[in-house]
């Protein structure tokens, strides 16, 4: 998974302080100024979300305006999971 995060420019993981992700670790990458892809890490499971925040510095610290699960239990070996990620990142 580390290669996925690096390739697509995700941030380092940090603890969610917004209570949106129950204090789990998250990392994110920007799609534009207000929309972001977020990976939530729960043990060895990664969930991928698309989200909208007022500004980048709010990610992980304030609840998102919009949050939608894209892929639950992301598995980079599954083509449909890779396609779901690339539909947002090109």
C-alpha atoms as a PDB file:
ATOM      1  CA  UNK A   1       0.000   0.000   0.000  1.00  0.00           C
ATOM      2  CA  UNK A   2       2.900   2.368   0.635  1.00  0.00           C
ATOM      3  CA  UNK A   3       3.579   2.447  -3.116  1.00  0.00           C
ATOM      4  CA  UNK A   4      -0.035   3.485  -3.775  1.00  0.00           C
ATOM      5  CA  UNK A   5       0.198   6.334  -1.267  1.00  0.00           C
ATOM      6  CA  UNK A   6       3.514   7.592  -2.653  1.00  0.00           C
ATOM      7  CA  UNK A   7       2.524   7.239  -6.310  1.00  0.00           C
ATOM      8  CA  UNK A   8      -0.648   9.275  -5.871  1.00  0.00           C
ATOM      9  CA  UNK A   9       0.877  11.851  -3.508  1.00  0.00           C
ATOM     10  CA  UNK A  10      -1.033  11.036  -0.331  1.00  0.00           C
ATOM     11  CA  UNK A  11       0.083  12.703   2.886  1.00  0.00           C
ATOM     12  CA  UNK A  12       1.640  10.780   5.734  1.00  0.00           C
ATOM     13  CA  UNK A  13      -0.859   9.108   8.048  1.00  0.00           C
ATOM     14  CA  UNK A  14      -2.004  11.096  11.065  1.00  0.00           C
ATOM     15  CA  UNK A  15      -4.681  10.667  13.737  1.00  0.00           C
ATOM     16  CA  UNK A  16      -8.124  12.012  12.835  1.00  0.00           C
ATOM     17  CA  UNK A  17      -9.095  14.693  15.350  1.00  0.00           C
ATOM     18  CA  UNK A  18     -12.499  15.467  13.794  1.00  0.00           C
ATOM     19  CA  UNK A  19     -14.274  12.329  15.104  1.00  0.00           C
ATOM     20  CA  UNK A  20     -15.364  11.645  11.526  1.00  0.00           C
ATOM     21  CA  UNK A  21     -13.098   8.596  11.366  1.00  0.00           C
ATOM     22  CA  UNK A  22     -13.397   7.624  15.055  1.00  0.00           C
ATOM     23  CA  UNK A  23      -9.835   8.702  15.806  1.00  0.00           C
ATOM     24  CA  UNK A  24      -8.370   6.283  13.254  1.00  0.00           C
ATOM     25  CA  UNK A  25      -5.314   7.220  11.217  1.00  0.00           C
ATOM     26  CA  UNK A  26      -5.952   8.899   7.868  1.00  0.00           C
ATOM     27  CA  UNK A  27      -3.973  10.199   4.910  1.00  0.00           C
ATOM     28  CA  UNK A  28      -5.227  12.334   2.036  1.00  0.00           C
ATOM     29  CA  UNK A  29      -4.501  13.851  -1.337  1.00  0.00           C
ATOM     30  CA  UNK A  30      -6.117  16.916  -2.902  1.00  0.00           C
ATOM     31  CA  UNK A  31      -8.276  16.696  -6.004  1.00  0.00           C
ATOM     32  CA  UNK A  32      -8.699  20.493  -6.007  1.00  0.00           C
ATOM     33  CA  UNK A  33      -8.925  23.241  -3.356  1.00  0.00           C
ATOM     34  CA  UNK A  34     -11.950  21.731  -1.599  1.00  0.00           C
ATOM     35  CA  UNK A  35     -12.180  18.060  -2.632  1.00  0.00           C
ATOM     36  CA  UNK A  36      -9.935  15.312  -1.272  1.00  0.00           C
ATOM     37  CA  UNK A  37      -9.430  11.566  -1.356  1.00  0.00           C
ATOM     38  CA  UNK A  38      -8.899  10.107   2.096  1.00  0.00           C
ATOM     39  CA  UNK A  39      -7.648   6.684   3.124  1.00  0.00           C
ATOM     40  CA  UNK A  40      -8.739   5.620   6.599  1.00  0.00           C
ATOM     41  CA  UNK A  41      -6.608   2.933   8.235  1.00  0.00           C
ATOM     42  CA  UNK A  42      -8.317   0.546  10.650  1.00  0.00           C
ATOM     43  CA  UNK A  43      -5.736  -2.056  11.632  1.00  0.00           C
ATOM     44  CA  UNK A  44      -4.743  -3.595   8.298  1.00  0.00           C
ATOM     45  CA  UNK A  45      -7.897  -2.413   6.482  1.00  0.00           C
ATOM     46  CA  UNK A  46      -7.959   0.724   4.325  1.00  0.00           C
ATOM     47  CA  UNK A  47     -11.180   2.492   3.362  1.00  0.00           C
ATOM     48  CA  UNK A  48     -11.127   5.069   0.564  1.00  0.00           C
ATOM     49  CA  UNK A  49     -13.390   8.127   0.692  1.00  0.00           C
ATOM     50  CA  UNK A  50     -14.004  11.201  -1.430  1.00  0.00           C
ATOM     51  CA  UNK A  51     -14.712  14.304   0.625  1.00  0.00           C
ATOM     52  CA  UNK A  52     -15.343  18.021   0.526  1.00  0.00           C
ATOM     53  CA  UNK A  53     -13.903  20.452   3.057  1.00  0.00           C
ATOM     54  CA  UNK A  54     -13.950  24.219   3.229  1.00  0.00           C
ATOM     55  CA  UNK A  55     -10.137  24.228   3.032  1.00  0.00           C
ATOM     56  CA  UNK A  56      -7.204  21.791   3.063  1.00  0.00           C
ATOM     57  CA  UNK A  57      -6.174  22.507   6.652  1.00  0.00           C
ATOM     58  CA  UNK A  58      -9.587  21.256   7.853  1.00  0.00           C
ATOM     59  CA  UNK A  59      -8.919  17.663   6.747  1.00  0.00           C
ATOM     60  CA  UNK A  60      -8.674  15.522   9.876  1.00  0.00           C
ATOM     61  CA  UNK A  61      -9.540  18.407  12.172  1.00  0.00           C
ATOM     62  CA  UNK A  62     -13.101  19.400  11.216  1.00  0.00           C
ATOM     63  CA  UNK A  63     -15.983  17.279   9.908  1.00  0.00           C
ATOM     64  CA  UNK A  64     -16.269  17.266   6.100  1.00  0.00           C
ATOM     65  CA  UNK A  65     -19.128  18.967   4.283  1.00  0.00           C
ATOM     66  CA  UNK A  66     -19.505  15.820   2.148  1.00  0.00           C
ATOM     67  CA  UNK A  67     -18.080  12.323   2.728  1.00  0.00           C
ATOM     68  CA  UNK A  68     -18.708   9.347   0.468  1.00  0.00           C
ATOM     69  CA  UNK A  69     -17.202   5.867   0.730  1.00  0.00           C
ATOM     70  CA  UNK A  70     -15.580   4.955  -2.607  1.00  0.00           C
ATOM     71  CA  UNK A  71     -14.063   1.565  -1.666  1.00  0.00           C
ATOM     72  CA  UNK A  72     -14.346  -0.328   1.596  1.00  0.00           C
ATOM     73  CA  UNK A  73     -11.431  -2.628   2.465  1.00  0.00           C
ATOM     74  CA  UNK A  74      -9.265  -1.357  -0.415  1.00  0.00           C
ATOM     75  CA  UNK A  75      -7.148  -4.087  -2.018  1.00  0.00           C
ATOM     76  CA  UNK A  76      -4.594  -2.849  -4.550  1.00  0.00           C
ATOM     77  CA  UNK A  77      -4.551  -6.274  -6.232  1.00  0.00           C
ATOM     78  CA  UNK A  78      -8.205  -5.916  -7.299  1.00  0.00           C
ATOM     79  CA  UNK A  79      -8.635  -4.143 -10.658  1.00  0.00           C
ATOM     80  CA  UNK A  80     -11.988  -2.629  -9.652  1.00  0.00           C
ATOM     81  CA  UNK A  81     -10.362  -0.993  -6.612  1.00  0.00           C
ATOM     82  CA  UNK A  82      -7.524   0.449  -8.699  1.00  0.00           C
ATOM     83  CA  UNK A  83     -10.026   1.713 -11.274  1.00  0.00           C
ATOM     84  CA  UNK A  84     -12.096   3.397  -8.545  1.00  0.00           C
ATOM     85  CA  UNK A  85      -9.001   5.226  -7.276  1.00  0.00           C
ATOM     86  CA  UNK A  86      -7.869   6.246 -10.759  1.00  0.00           C
ATOM     87  CA  UNK A  87     -11.283   7.588 -11.734  1.00  0.00           C
ATOM     88  CA  UNK A  88     -10.530  10.432  -9.320  1.00  0.00           C
ATOM     89  CA  UNK A  89      -6.794  10.790  -9.879  1.00  0.00           C
ATOM     90  CA  UNK A  90      -6.440  10.044 -13.570  1.00  0.00           C
END
